[in-house]
Protein backbone atom coordinates (compact mmCIF):
# COMPACT_ATOMS: atom_id res chain seq x y z
CA UNK A 1 4.70 11.94 -8.90
CA UNK A 2 5.08 8.84 -10.95
CA UNK A 3 6.54 6.62 -8.13
CA UNK A 4 3.35 7.36 -6.11
CA UNK A 5 1.13 6.51 -9.24
CA UNK A 6 2.89 3.28 -10.03
CA UNK A 7 2.73 2.19 -5.93
CA UNK A 8 -0.96 2.83 -6.10
CA UNK A 9 -1.58 1.04 -9.47
CA UNK A 10 0.29 -1.99 -7.41
CA UNK A 11 -2.88 -1.69 -4.79
CA UNK A 12 -5.58 -1.84 -7.17
CA UNK A 13 -5.98 -5.76 -7.49
CA UNK A 14 -7.75 -5.27 -4.38
CA UNK A 15 -11.04 -4.43 -5.80
CA UNK A 16 -10.74 -7.47 -8.31
CA UNK A 17 -10.48 -9.74 -4.91
CA UNK A 18 -13.63 -8.06 -3.41
CA UNK A 19 -15.59 -8.50 -6.71
CA UNK A 20 -14.77 -12.31 -6.68
CA UNK A 21 -15.67 -12.68 -3.28
CA UNK A 22 -18.87 -10.98 -3.67
CA UNK A 23 -19.78 -13.10 -6.79
CA UNK A 24 -18.83 -16.01 -4.68
CA UNK A 25 -21.24 -15.08 -1.65
CA UNK A 26 -23.96 -14.28 -4.36
CA UNK A 27 -23.86 -17.56 -5.77
CA UNK A 28 -24.25 -19.32 -2.54
CA UNK A 29 -27.56 -21.56 -2.42
CA UNK A 30 -27.77 -21.42 1.09
CA UNK A 31 -26.65 -25.23 2.07
CA UNK A 32 -23.60 -23.89 3.95
CA UNK A 33 -20.88 -25.03 1.42
CA UNK A 34 -19.88 -21.75 0.88
CA UNK A 35 -18.80 -20.81 4.52
CA UNK A 36 -16.15 -23.41 4.23
CA UNK A 37 -14.01 -21.18 1.65
CA UNK A 38 -14.46 -18.00 3.60
CA UNK A 39 -11.52 -18.84 6.04
CA UNK A 40 -8.97 -19.41 2.88
CA UNK A 41 -10.70 -16.16 1.38
CA UNK A 42 -9.83 -14.27 4.62
CA UNK A 43 -6.46 -15.71 4.96
CA UNK A 44 -5.72 -14.32 1.37
CA UNK A 45 -7.05 -11.16 2.20
CA UNK A 46 -5.12 -10.93 5.16
CA UNK A 47 -1.80 -12.00 3.37
CA UNK A 48 -2.73 -9.23 0.50
CA UNK A 49 -3.24 -6.70 3.02
CA UNK A 50 0.13 -7.48 4.94
CA UNK A 51 1.78 -7.09 1.61
CA UNK A 52 0.02 -3.73 1.06
CA UNK A 53 0.88 -2.60 4.50
CA UNK A 54 4.56 -3.42 4.12
CA UNK A 55 4.62 -1.61 0.64
CA UNK A 56 3.14 1.52 2.06
CA UNK A 57 5.32 1.60 4.98
CA UNK A 58 8.23 1.07 2.77
CA UNK A 59 7.09 4.10 0.52
CA UNK A 60 6.66 6.20 3.64
CA UNK A 61 9.66 5.70 5.07
CA UNK A 62 11.73 6.10 1.55
CA UNK A 63 9.77 9.32 0.95
CA UNK A 64 10.61 10.59 4.63
CA UNK A 65 14.54 9.65 4.37
CA UNK A 66 14.52 11.59 0.72
CA UNK A 67 12.69 14.53 2.18
CA UNK A 68 15.07 14.88 5.07
CA UNK A 69 18.15 14.39 2.84
CA UNK A 70 16.76 17.13 0.62
CA UNK A 71 16.26 19.26 3.65
CA UNK A 72 19.72 18.87 4.77
CA UNK A 73 21.30 19.60 1.44
CA UNK A 74 19.21 22.94 1.28
CA UNK A 75 20.35 23.73 4.68
CA UNK A 76 24.01 23.19 3.76
CA UNK A 77 23.46 25.33 0.72
CA UNK A 78 21.88 28.08 2.33
CA UNK A 79 24.72 28.13 4.98
CA UNK A 80 27.46 28.31 2.28
CA UNK A 81 25.62 31.44 0.72
CA UNK A 82 24.88 33.15 4.13
CA UNK A 83 27.63 32.17 6.31
CA UNK A 84 27.41 35.16 8.58
CA UNK A 85 23.81 34.63 9.67
């Protein structure tokens, strides 16, 4: 469970990025200058999202491999205790 918690804490900075973007949008005085920075923010968010997706994928794959390994070990132990079944 600790590994899941640490993994989720790595993903929490997204809230800070959203708040920062919201503040920038709120301070826009309507002259159109705020629109020039939005593609940069979108690219940054896109990169952050890609990193999060990669981290989630790696976490899921590692968890799956570990579960399959544990299942195989459990099956081998069961077979060694009950060879006739």
